[in-house]
PDB file of N, CA and C in Angstrom:
ATOM      1  N   MET A   1     -48.686 -22.118  28.791  1.00  0.00           N
ATOM      2  CA  MET A   1     -49.426 -22.503  27.609  1.00  0.00           C
ATOM      3  C   MET A   1     -48.425 -23.002  26.565  1.00  0.00           C
ATOM      4  N   PRO A   2     -48.740 -24.161  25.917  1.00  0.00           N
ATOM      5  CA  PRO A   2     -47.812 -24.701  24.915  1.00  0.00           C
ATOM      6  C   PRO A   2     -47.789 -23.819  23.670  1.00  0.00           C
ATOM      7  N   ALA A   3     -46.669 -23.845  23.006  1.00  0.00           N
ATOM      8  CA  ALA A   3     -46.545 -23.129  21.739  1.00  0.00           C
ATOM      9  C   ALA A   3     -47.492 -23.745  20.721  1.00  0.00           C
ATOM     10  N   MET A   4     -47.942 -22.942  19.770  1.00  0.00           N
ATOM     11  CA  MET A   4     -48.882 -23.424  18.758  1.00  0.00           C
ATOM     12  C   MET A   4     -48.351 -24.649  18.019  1.00  0.00           C
ATOM     13  N   ASP A   5     -47.073 -24.666  17.704  1.00  0.00           N
ATOM     14  CA  ASP A   5     -46.538 -25.791  16.948  1.00  0.00           C
ATOM     15  C   ASP A   5     -46.392 -27.051  17.807  1.00  0.00           C
ATOM     16  N   ALA A   6     -46.536 -26.929  19.130  1.00  0.00           N
ATOM     17  CA  ALA A   6     -46.444 -28.092  20.008  1.00  0.00           C
ATOM     18  C   ALA A   6     -47.825 -28.674  20.321  1.00  0.00           C
ATOM     19  N   ALA A   7     -48.877 -27.920  20.041  1.00  0.00           N
ATOM     20  CA  ALA A   7     -50.232 -28.391  20.327  1.00  0.00           C
ATOM     21  C   ALA A   7     -50.637 -29.438  19.291  1.00  0.00           C
ATOM     22  N   PRO A   8     -51.343 -30.491  19.728  1.00  0.00           N
ATOM     23  CA  PRO A   8     -51.789 -31.491  18.755  1.00  0.00           C
ATOM     24  C   PRO A   8     -52.811 -30.899  17.792  1.00  0.00           C
ATOM     25  N   LEU A   9     -52.713 -31.306  16.555  1.00  0.00           N
ATOM     26  CA  LEU A   9     -53.648 -30.838  15.536  1.00  0.00           C
ATOM     27  C   LEU A   9     -54.786 -31.843  15.380  1.00  0.00           C
ATOM     28  N   VAL A  10     -55.970 -31.324  15.145  1.00  0.00           N
ATOM     29  CA  VAL A  10     -57.135 -32.158  14.890  1.00  0.00           C
ATOM     30  C   VAL A  10     -57.738 -31.698  13.578  1.00  0.00           C
ATOM     31  N   LEU A  11     -57.838 -32.610  12.630  1.00  0.00           N
ATOM     32  CA  LEU A  11     -58.443 -32.301  11.338  1.00  0.00           C
ATOM     33  C   LEU A  11     -59.958 -32.402  11.481  1.00  0.00           C
ATOM     34  N   LEU A  12     -60.648 -31.301  11.213  1.00  0.00           N
ATOM     35  CA  LEU A  12     -62.100 -31.252  11.346  1.00  0.00           C
ATOM     36  C   LEU A  12     -62.788 -31.650  10.046  1.00  0.00           C
ATOM     37  N   ASP A  13     -64.041 -32.064  10.181  1.00  0.00           N
ATOM     38  CA  ASP A  13     -64.831 -32.396   9.001  1.00  0.00           C
ATOM     39  C   ASP A  13     -65.205 -31.125   8.256  1.00  0.00           C
ATOM     40  N   GLY A  14     -65.953 -31.269   7.192  1.00  0.00           N
ATOM     41  CA  GLY A  14     -66.352 -30.126   6.377  1.00  0.00           C
ATOM     42  C   GLY A  14     -67.804 -29.744   6.616  1.00  0.00           C
ATOM     43  N   PRO A  15     -68.339 -28.886   5.767  1.00  0.00           N
ATOM     44  CA  PRO A  15     -69.707 -28.388   5.937  1.00  0.00           C
ATOM     45  C   PRO A  15     -70.739 -29.480   5.653  1.00  0.00           C
ATOM     46  N   LEU A  16     -71.553 -29.784   6.632  1.00  0.00           N
ATOM     47  CA  LEU A  16     -72.535 -30.848   6.491  1.00  0.00           C
ATOM     48  C   LEU A  16     -73.700 -30.436   5.595  1.00  0.00           C
ATOM     49  N   GLY A  17     -74.296 -29.283   5.860  1.00  0.00           N
ATOM     50  CA  GLY A  17     -75.430 -28.839   5.056  1.00  0.00           C
ATOM     51  C   GLY A  17     -75.074 -28.671   3.595  1.00  0.00           C
ATOM     52  N   THR A  18     -73.950 -28.078   3.329  1.00  0.00           N
ATOM     53  CA  THR A  18     -73.501 -27.881   1.950  1.00  0.00           C
ATOM     54  C   THR A  18     -73.326 -29.221   1.242  1.00  0.00           C
ATOM     55  N   GLU A  19     -72.752 -30.180   1.955  1.00  0.00           N
ATOM     56  CA  GLU A  19     -72.527 -31.494   1.356  1.00  0.00           C
ATOM     57  C   GLU A  19     -73.839 -32.241   1.144  1.00  0.00           C
ATOM     58  N   LEU A  20     -74.784 -32.098   2.072  1.00  0.00           N
ATOM     59  CA  LEU A  20     -76.098 -32.724   1.883  1.00  0.00           C
ATOM     60  C   LEU A  20     -76.783 -32.161   0.643  1.00  0.00           C
ATOM     61  N   GLU A  21     -76.720 -30.846   0.473  1.00  0.00           N
ATOM     62  CA  GLU A  21     -77.319 -30.234  -0.719  1.00  0.00           C
ATOM     63  C   GLU A  21     -76.614 -30.698  -1.987  1.00  0.00           C
ATOM     64  N   ARG A  22     -75.284 -30.767  -1.939  1.00  0.00           N
ATOM     65  CA  ARG A  22     -74.519 -31.210  -3.103  1.00  0.00           C
ATOM     66  C   ARG A  22     -74.928 -32.610  -3.526  1.00  0.00           C
ATOM     67  N   ARG A  23     -75.327 -33.425  -2.559  1.00  0.00           N
ATOM     68  CA  ARG A  23     -75.733 -34.802  -2.841  1.00  0.00           C
ATOM     69  C   ARG A  23     -77.226 -34.926  -3.133  1.00  0.00           C
ATOM     70  N   GLY A  24     -77.905 -33.793  -3.273  1.00  0.00           N
ATOM     71  CA  GLY A  24     -79.291 -33.806  -3.726  1.00  0.00           C
ATOM     72  C   GLY A  24     -80.358 -33.687  -2.665  1.00  0.00           C
ATOM     73  N   GLN A  25     -79.984 -33.508  -1.397  1.00  0.00           N
ATOM     74  CA  GLN A  25     -80.985 -33.380  -0.333  1.00  0.00           C
ATOM     75  C   GLN A  25     -81.448 -31.930  -0.224  1.00  0.00           C
ATOM     76  N   PRO A  26     -82.737 -31.653  -0.487  1.00  0.00           N
ATOM     77  CA  PRO A  26     -83.231 -30.282  -0.324  1.00  0.00           C
ATOM     78  C   PRO A  26     -83.253 -29.904   1.158  1.00  0.00           C
ATOM     79  N   LEU A  27     -82.877 -28.665   1.451  1.00  0.00           N
ATOM     80  CA  LEU A  27     -82.808 -28.189   2.829  1.00  0.00           C
ATOM     81  C   LEU A  27     -83.513 -26.842   2.982  1.00  0.00           C
ATOM     82  N   PRO A  28     -84.818 -26.798   2.718  1.00  0.00           N
ATOM     83  CA  PRO A  28     -85.526 -25.514   2.795  1.00  0.00           C
ATOM     84  C   PRO A  28     -85.707 -25.040   4.245  1.00  0.00           C
ATOM     85  N   ALA A  29     -85.827 -23.728   4.383  1.00  0.00           N
ATOM     86  CA  ALA A  29     -86.111 -23.129   5.693  1.00  0.00           C
ATOM     87  C   ALA A  29     -87.497 -23.576   6.123  1.00  0.00           C
ATOM     88  N   PRO A  30     -87.800 -23.650   7.375  1.00  0.00           N
ATOM     89  CA  PRO A  30     -86.965 -23.259   8.506  1.00  0.00           C
ATOM     90  C   PRO A  30     -86.137 -24.399   9.086  1.00  0.00           C
ATOM     91  N   MET A  31     -86.302 -25.618   8.597  1.00  0.00           N
ATOM     92  CA  MET A  31     -85.581 -26.745   9.202  1.00  0.00           C
ATOM     93  C   MET A  31     -84.146 -26.874   8.699  1.00  0.00           C
ATOM     94  N   TRP A  32     -83.875 -26.412   7.487  1.00  0.00           N
ATOM     95  CA  TRP A  32     -82.549 -26.516   6.891  1.00  0.00           C
ATOM     96  C   TRP A  32     -82.010 -27.934   6.998  1.00  0.00           C
ATOM     97  N   SER A  33     -80.831 -28.099   7.579  1.00  0.00           N
ATOM     98  CA  SER A  33     -80.190 -29.420   7.611  1.00  0.00           C
ATOM     99  C   SER A  33     -80.896 -30.409   8.532  1.00  0.00           C
ATOM    100  N   ALA A  34     -81.696 -29.945   9.478  1.00  0.00           N
ATOM    101  CA  ALA A  34     -82.437 -30.861  10.348  1.00  0.00           C
ATOM    102  C   ALA A  34     -83.439 -31.682   9.538  1.00  0.00           C
ATOM    103  N   ARG A  35     -83.888 -31.161   8.433  1.00  0.00           N
ATOM    104  CA  ARG A  35     -84.831 -31.882   7.567  1.00  0.00           C
ATOM    105  C   ARG A  35     -84.223 -33.210   7.099  1.00  0.00           C
ATOM    106  N   ALA A  36     -82.921 -33.225   6.857  1.00  0.00           N
ATOM    107  CA  ALA A  36     -82.256 -34.445   6.401  1.00  0.00           C
ATOM    108  C   ALA A  36     -82.276 -35.532   7.476  1.00  0.00           C
ATOM    109  N   LEU A  37     -82.354 -35.154   8.734  1.00  0.00           N
ATOM    110  CA  LEU A  37     -82.454 -36.151   9.796  1.00  0.00           C
ATOM    111  C   LEU A  37     -83.747 -36.941   9.681  1.00  0.00           C
ATOM    112  N   VAL A  38     -84.795 -36.290   9.201  1.00  0.00           N
ATOM    113  CA  VAL A  38     -86.106 -36.911   9.048  1.00  0.00           C
ATOM    114  C   VAL A  38     -86.197 -37.638   7.700  1.00  0.00           C
ATOM    115  N   GLU A  39     -85.761 -36.975   6.648  1.00  0.00           N
ATOM    116  CA  GLU A  39     -85.951 -37.496   5.294  1.00  0.00           C
ATOM    117  C   GLU A  39     -84.825 -38.398   4.796  1.00  0.00           C
ATOM    118  N   ALA A  40     -83.614 -38.182   5.283  1.00  0.00           N
ATOM    119  CA  ALA A  40     -82.470 -38.913   4.726  1.00  0.00           C
ATOM    120  C   ALA A  40     -81.404 -39.207   5.786  1.00  0.00           C
ATOM    121  N   PRO A  41     -81.769 -39.894   6.875  1.00  0.00           N
ATOM    122  CA  PRO A  41     -80.767 -40.151   7.917  1.00  0.00           C
ATOM    123  C   PRO A  41     -79.576 -40.974   7.423  1.00  0.00           C
ATOM    124  N   LEU A  42     -79.806 -41.880   6.494  1.00  0.00           N
ATOM    125  CA  LEU A  42     -78.689 -42.666   5.962  1.00  0.00           C
ATOM    126  C   LEU A  42     -77.705 -41.782   5.217  1.00  0.00           C
ATOM    127  N   LEU A  43     -78.207 -40.780   4.518  1.00  0.00           N
ATOM    128  CA  LEU A  43     -77.334 -39.845   3.821  1.00  0.00           C
ATOM    129  C   LEU A  43     -76.514 -39.032   4.813  1.00  0.00           C
ATOM    130  N   VAL A  44     -77.138 -38.590   5.901  1.00  0.00           N
ATOM    131  CA  VAL A  44     -76.402 -37.849   6.940  1.00  0.00           C
ATOM    132  C   VAL A  44     -75.256 -38.717   7.450  1.00  0.00           C
ATOM    133  N   GLY A  45     -75.547 -39.957   7.775  1.00  0.00           N
ATOM    134  CA  GLY A  45     -74.500 -40.862   8.248  1.00  0.00           C
ATOM    135  C   GLY A  45     -73.412 -41.081   7.219  1.00  0.00           C
ATOM    136  N   GLN A  46     -73.790 -41.183   5.951  1.00  0.00           N
ATOM    137  CA  GLN A  46     -72.794 -41.390   4.893  1.00  0.00           C
ATOM    138  C   GLN A  46     -71.864 -40.192   4.759  1.00  0.00           C
ATOM    139  N   VAL A  47     -72.401 -38.988   4.899  1.00  0.00           N
ATOM    140  CA  VAL A  47     -71.543 -37.794   4.846  1.00  0.00           C
ATOM    141  C   VAL A  47     -70.537 -37.831   5.986  1.00  0.00           C
ATOM    142  N   HIS A  48     -70.992 -38.151   7.189  1.00  0.00           N
ATOM    143  CA  HIS A  48     -70.061 -38.265   8.322  1.00  0.00           C
ATOM    144  C   HIS A  48     -68.988 -39.319   8.037  1.00  0.00           C
ATOM    145  N   ALA A  49     -69.413 -40.476   7.551  1.00  0.00           N
ATOM    146  CA  ALA A  49     -68.463 -41.555   7.261  1.00  0.00           C
ATOM    147  C   ALA A  49     -67.470 -41.146   6.183  1.00  0.00           C
ATOM    148  N   ASP A  50     -67.930 -40.433   5.182  1.00  0.00           N
ATOM    149  CA  ASP A  50     -67.032 -39.991   4.112  1.00  0.00           C
ATOM    150  C   ASP A  50     -66.004 -38.987   4.619  1.00  0.00           C
ATOM    151  N   TYR A  51     -66.424 -38.090   5.492  1.00  0.00           N
ATOM    152  CA  TYR A  51     -65.453 -37.155   6.086  1.00  0.00           C
ATOM    153  C   TYR A  51     -64.423 -37.914   6.921  1.00  0.00           C
ATOM    154  N   ALA A  52     -64.869 -38.935   7.660  1.00  0.00           N
ATOM    155  CA  ALA A  52     -63.932 -39.743   8.449  1.00  0.00           C
ATOM    156  C   ALA A  52     -62.947 -40.465   7.535  1.00  0.00           C
ATOM    157  N   GLU A  53     -63.456 -41.018   6.444  1.00  0.00           N
ATOM    158  CA  GLU A  53     -62.590 -41.720   5.495  1.00  0.00           C
ATOM    159  C   GLU A  53     -61.571 -40.773   4.866  1.00  0.00           C
ATOM    160  N   ALA A  54     -61.963 -39.509   4.720  1.00  0.00           N
ATOM    161  CA  ALA A  54     -61.054 -38.512   4.150  1.00  0.00           C
ATOM    162  C   ALA A  54     -60.007 -38.041   5.161  1.00  0.00           C
ATOM    163  N   GLY A  55     -60.133 -38.493   6.418  1.00  0.00           N
ATOM    164  CA  GLY A  55     -59.114 -38.162   7.414  1.00  0.00           C
ATOM    165  C   GLY A  55     -59.572 -37.259   8.540  1.00  0.00           C
ATOM    166  N   ALA A  56     -60.824 -36.847   8.537  1.00  0.00           N
ATOM    167  CA  ALA A  56     -61.303 -35.983   9.623  1.00  0.00           C
ATOM    168  C   ALA A  56     -61.260 -36.736  10.944  1.00  0.00           C
ATOM    169  N   GLN A  57     -60.817 -36.041  11.982  1.00  0.00           N
ATOM    170  CA  GLN A  57     -60.744 -36.614  13.333  1.00  0.00           C
ATOM    171  C   GLN A  57     -61.788 -35.985  14.250  1.00  0.00           C
ATOM    172  N   GLY A  58     -62.249 -34.815  13.897  1.00  0.00           N
ATOM    173  CA  GLY A  58     -63.286 -34.110  14.647  1.00  0.00           C
ATOM    174  C   GLY A  58     -64.516 -33.976  13.773  1.00  0.00           C
ATOM    175  N   HIS A  59     -65.675 -34.327  14.311  1.00  0.00           N
ATOM    176  CA  HIS A  59     -66.897 -34.378  13.514  1.00  0.00           C
ATOM    177  C   HIS A  59     -68.002 -33.564  14.183  1.00  0.00           C
ATOM    178  N   THR A  60     -68.693 -32.782  13.384  1.00  0.00           N
ATOM    179  CA  THR A  60     -69.794 -31.969  13.875  1.00  0.00           C
ATOM    180  C   THR A  60     -71.105 -32.682  13.568  1.00  0.00           C
ATOM    181  N   ALA A  61     -71.836 -33.054  14.614  1.00  0.00           N
ATOM    182  CA  ALA A  61     -73.136 -33.689  14.430  1.00  0.00           C
ATOM    183  C   ALA A  61     -74.088 -32.687  13.777  1.00  0.00           C
ATOM    184  N   ASN A  62     -75.098 -33.188  13.114  1.00  0.00           N
ATOM    185  CA  ASN A  62     -76.056 -32.356  12.391  1.00  0.00           C
ATOM    186  C   ASN A  62     -77.073 -31.730  13.357  1.00  0.00           C
ATOM    187  N   THR A  63     -76.581 -30.947  14.298  1.00  0.00           N
ATOM    188  CA  THR A  63     -77.420 -30.348  15.343  1.00  0.00           C
ATOM    189  C   THR A  63     -77.728 -28.876  15.097  1.00  0.00           C
ATOM    190  N   PHE A  64     -77.249 -28.321  14.001  1.00  0.00           N
ATOM    191  CA  PHE A  64     -77.345 -26.882  13.757  1.00  0.00           C
ATOM    192  C   PHE A  64     -78.762 -26.336  13.887  1.00  0.00           C
ATOM    193  N   ARG A  65     -79.758 -27.065  13.393  1.00  0.00           N
ATOM    194  CA  ARG A  65     -81.145 -26.577  13.451  1.00  0.00           C
ATOM    195  C   ARG A  65     -82.036 -27.461  14.321  1.00  0.00           C
ATOM    196  N   THR A  66     -81.478 -28.066  15.361  1.00  0.00           N
ATOM    197  CA  THR A  66     -82.262 -28.971  16.202  1.00  0.00           C
ATOM    198  C   THR A  66     -82.612 -28.366  17.559  1.00  0.00           C
ATOM    199  N   THR A  67     -82.690 -27.070  17.649  1.00  0.00           N
ATOM    200  CA  THR A  67     -83.081 -26.435  18.908  1.00  0.00           C
ATOM    201  C   THR A  67     -84.590 -26.171  18.906  1.00  0.00           C
ATOM    202  N   HIS A  68     -85.144 -26.017  20.094  1.00  0.00           N
ATOM    203  CA  HIS A  68     -86.573 -25.706  20.226  1.00  0.00           C
ATOM    204  C   HIS A  68     -86.904 -24.442  19.448  1.00  0.00           C
ATOM    205  N   ARG A  69     -86.065 -23.448  19.598  1.00  0.00           N
ATOM    206  CA  ARG A  69     -86.297 -22.162  18.924  1.00  0.00           C
ATOM    207  C   ARG A  69     -86.256 -22.305  17.404  1.00  0.00           C
ATOM    208  N   ALA A  70     -85.286 -23.038  16.893  1.00  0.00           N
ATOM    209  CA  ALA A  70     -85.140 -23.193  15.441  1.00  0.00           C
ATOM    210  C   ALA A  70     -86.300 -23.971  14.833  1.00  0.00           C
ATOM    211  N   LEU A  71     -86.869 -24.904  15.597  1.00  0.00           N
ATOM    212  CA  LEU A  71     -87.935 -25.754  15.074  1.00  0.00           C
ATOM    213  C   LEU A  71     -89.333 -25.271  15.449  1.00  0.00           C
ATOM    214  N   ALA A  72     -89.410 -24.176  16.188  1.00  0.00           N
ATOM    215  CA  ALA A  72     -90.723 -23.637  16.566  1.00  0.00           C
ATOM    216  C   ALA A  72     -91.534 -23.350  15.305  1.00  0.00           C
ATOM    217  N   GLY A  73     -92.793 -23.749  15.324  1.00  0.00           N
ATOM    218  CA  GLY A  73     -93.659 -23.516  14.171  1.00  0.00           C
ATOM    219  C   GLY A  73     -93.585 -24.602  13.118  1.00  0.00           C
ATOM    220  N   THR A  74     -92.745 -25.620  13.325  1.00  0.00           N
ATOM    221  CA  THR A  74     -92.684 -26.749  12.404  1.00  0.00           C
ATOM    222  C   THR A  74     -93.353 -27.949  13.047  1.00  0.00           C
ATOM    223  N   ASP A  75     -93.552 -28.993  12.272  1.00  0.00           N
ATOM    224  CA  ASP A  75     -94.109 -30.233  12.814  1.00  0.00           C
ATOM    225  C   ASP A  75     -93.190 -30.862  13.857  1.00  0.00           C
ATOM    226  N   TRP A  76     -91.938 -30.460  13.875  1.00  0.00           N
ATOM    227  CA  TRP A  76     -90.946 -31.036  14.792  1.00  0.00           C
ATOM    228  C   TRP A  76     -90.663 -30.146  15.991  1.00  0.00           C
ATOM    229  N   GLY A  77     -91.379 -29.049  16.133  1.00  0.00           N
ATOM    230  CA  GLY A  77     -91.135 -28.111  17.220  1.00  0.00           C
ATOM    231  C   GLY A  77     -91.136 -28.724  18.603  1.00  0.00           C
ATOM    232  N   SER A  78     -92.041 -29.648  18.855  1.00  0.00           N
ATOM    233  CA  SER A  78     -92.117 -30.271  20.180  1.00  0.00           C
ATOM    234  C   SER A  78     -91.219 -31.502  20.298  1.00  0.00           C
ATOM    235  N   ARG A  79     -90.602 -31.902  19.176  1.00  0.00           N
ATOM    236  CA  ARG A  79     -89.756 -33.110  19.180  1.00  0.00           C
ATOM    237  C   ARG A  79     -88.294 -32.775  18.896  1.00  0.00           C
ATOM    238  N   TRP A  80     -87.892 -31.583  19.244  1.00  0.00           N
ATOM    239  CA  TRP A  80     -86.533 -31.156  18.938  1.00  0.00           C
ATOM    240  C   TRP A  80     -85.489 -32.037  19.627  1.00  0.00           C
ATOM    241  N   ARG A  81     -85.803 -32.505  20.841  1.00  0.00           N
ATOM    242  CA  ARG A  81     -84.844 -33.374  21.542  1.00  0.00           C
ATOM    243  C   ARG A  81     -84.623 -34.684  20.771  1.00  0.00           C
ATOM    244  N   THR A  82     -85.664 -35.197  20.164  1.00  0.00           N
ATOM    245  CA  THR A  82     -85.556 -36.416  19.364  1.00  0.00           C
ATOM    246  C   THR A  82     -84.586 -36.203  18.207  1.00  0.00           C
ATOM    247  N   LEU A  83     -84.721 -35.077  17.522  1.00  0.00           N
ATOM    248  CA  LEU A  83     -83.814 -34.781  16.404  1.00  0.00           C
ATOM    249  C   LEU A  83     -82.395 -34.547  16.891  1.00  0.00           C
ATOM    250  N   LEU A  84     -82.245 -33.867  18.004  1.00  0.00           N
ATOM    251  CA  LEU A  84     -80.917 -33.615  18.568  1.00  0.00           C
ATOM    252  C   LEU A  84     -80.212 -34.934  18.870  1.00  0.00           C
ATOM    253  N   ARG A  85     -80.912 -35.821  19.543  1.00  0.00           N
ATOM    254  CA  ARG A  85     -80.317 -37.126  19.881  1.00  0.00           C
ATOM    255  C   ARG A  85     -80.012 -37.944  18.631  1.00  0.00           C
ATOM    256  N   LEU A  86     -80.906 -37.889  17.654  1.00  0.00           N
ATOM    257  CA  LEU A  86     -80.679 -38.610  16.401  1.00  0.00           C
ATOM    258  C   LEU A  86     -79.434 -38.089  15.698  1.00  0.00           C
ATOM    259  N   ALA A  87     -79.265 -36.786  15.660  1.00  0.00           N
ATOM    260  CA  ALA A  87     -78.095 -36.188  14.999  1.00  0.00           C
ATOM    261  C   ALA A  87     -76.797 -36.674  15.638  1.00  0.00           C
ATOM    262  N   VAL A  88     -76.762 -36.684  16.958  1.00  0.00           N
ATOM    263  CA  VAL A  88     -75.544 -37.124  17.666  1.00  0.00           C
ATOM    264  C   VAL A  88     -75.327 -38.622  17.456  1.00  0.00           C
ATOM    265  N   ARG A  89     -76.394 -39.409  17.529  1.00  0.00           N
ATOM    266  CA  ARG A  89     -76.276 -40.859  17.339  1.00  0.00           C
ATOM    267  C   ARG A  89     -75.771 -41.187  15.936  1.00  0.00           C
ATOM    268  N   LEU A  90     -76.334 -40.543  14.923  1.00  0.00           N
ATOM    269  CA  LEU A  90     -75.895 -40.794  13.548  1.00  0.00           C
ATOM    270  C   LEU A  90     -74.415 -40.478  13.372  1.00  0.00           C
ATOM    271  N   CYS A  91     -73.980 -39.399  13.966  1.00  0.00           N
ATOM    272  CA  CYS A  91     -72.573 -39.020  13.849  1.00  0.00           C
ATOM    273  C   CYS A  91     -71.686 -40.054  14.549  1.00  0.00           C
ATOM    274  N   ARG A  92     -72.018 -40.377  15.787  1.00  0.00           N
ATOM    275  CA  ARG A  92     -71.197 -41.340  16.541  1.00  0.00           C
ATOM    276  C   ARG A  92     -71.148 -42.701  15.875  1.00  0.00           C
ATOM    277  N   GLU A  93     -72.260 -43.139  15.298  1.00  0.00           N
ATOM    278  CA  GLU A  93     -72.299 -44.452  14.639  1.00  0.00           C
ATOM    279  C   GLU A  93     -71.574 -44.458  13.302  1.00  0.00           C
ATOM    280  N   SER A  94     -71.329 -43.303  12.728  1.00  0.00           N
ATOM    281  CA  SER A  94     -70.767 -43.216  11.380  1.00  0.00           C
ATOM    282  C   SER A  94     -69.276 -42.939  11.344  1.00  0.00           C
ATOM    283  N   VAL A  95     -68.699 -42.585  12.481  1.00  0.00           N
ATOM    284  CA  VAL A  95     -67.273 -42.267  12.535  1.00  0.00           C
ATOM    285  C   VAL A  95     -66.564 -43.304  13.408  1.00  0.00           C
ATOM    286  N   PRO A  96     -65.249 -43.410  13.276  1.00  0.00           N
ATOM    287  CA  PRO A  96     -64.532 -44.414  14.070  1.00  0.00           C
ATOM    288  C   PRO A  96     -64.703 -44.185  15.576  1.00  0.00           C
ATOM    289  N   GLU A  97     -64.693 -45.272  16.308  1.00  0.00           N
ATOM    290  CA  GLU A  97     -64.769 -45.180  17.760  1.00  0.00           C
ATOM    291  C   GLU A  97     -63.603 -44.334  18.274  1.00  0.00           C
ATOM    292  N   GLY A  98     -63.896 -43.446  19.187  1.00  0.00           N
ATOM    293  CA  GLY A  98     -62.868 -42.569  19.733  1.00  0.00           C
ATOM    294  C   GLY A  98     -62.716 -41.251  19.006  1.00  0.00           C
ATOM    295  N   ALA A  99     -63.376 -41.113  17.839  1.00  0.00           N
ATOM    296  CA  ALA A  99     -63.309 -39.842  17.116  1.00  0.00           C
ATOM    297  C   ALA A  99     -64.045 -38.781  17.937  1.00  0.00           C
ATOM    298  N   ARG A 100     -63.629 -37.578  17.804  1.00  0.00           N
ATOM    299  CA  ARG A 100     -64.256 -36.476  18.539  1.00  0.00           C
ATOM    300  C   ARG A 100     -65.535 -36.044  17.828  1.00  0.00           C
ATOM    301  N   VAL A 101     -66.625 -35.921  18.612  1.00  0.00           N
ATOM    302  CA  VAL A 101     -67.907 -35.499  18.082  1.00  0.00           C
ATOM    303  C   VAL A 101     -68.334 -34.246  18.820  1.00  0.00           C
ATOM    304  N   ALA A 102     -68.718 -33.236  18.062  1.00  0.00           N
ATOM    305  CA  ALA A 102     -69.162 -31.959  18.651  1.00  0.00           C
ATOM    306  C   ALA A 102     -70.539 -31.625  18.105  1.00  0.00           C
ATOM    307  N   GLY A 103     -71.201 -30.712  18.774  1.00  0.00           N
ATOM    308  CA  GLY A 103     -72.478 -30.201  18.306  1.00  0.00           C
ATOM    309  C   GLY A 103     -72.294 -28.817  17.733  1.00  0.00           C
ATOM    310  N   SER A 104     -73.336 -28.332  17.100  1.00  0.00           N
ATOM    311  CA  SER A 104     -73.326 -26.997  16.508  1.00  0.00           C
ATOM    312  C   SER A 104     -74.672 -26.357  16.748  1.00  0.00           C
ATOM    313  N   LEU A 105     -74.691 -25.087  17.120  1.00  0.00           N
ATOM    314  CA  LEU A 105     -75.935 -24.364  17.354  1.00  0.00           C
ATOM    315  C   LEU A 105     -76.064 -23.206  16.391  1.00  0.00           C
ATOM    316  N   ALA A 106     -77.303 -22.968  15.948  1.00  0.00           N
ATOM    317  CA  ALA A 106     -77.562 -21.833  15.068  1.00  0.00           C
ATOM    318  C   ALA A 106     -77.472 -20.539  15.857  1.00  0.00           C
TER     319      ALA A 106
END
């Protein structure tokens, strides 16, 4: 195993939900940040792009609340896959080609 100082470093993005709220997007339960995928997809993409511009190399797609379980009982409960795919697409389209994109689960 390589020493810690020999391993490549990857600068990660910051908190997506917190930044969406800071920019004025309400994120009430139970959808939380998934609500922004429906109401403000351009804002979600802009947050990703801004983190990339700030130097982030690893980006977390807005998938935190896009599971069947998390969306159960909402209007989006049966369309969770649509939101999941949208979250990943928005992230990939908003960051430089080749940037690392990850998901997040609640």
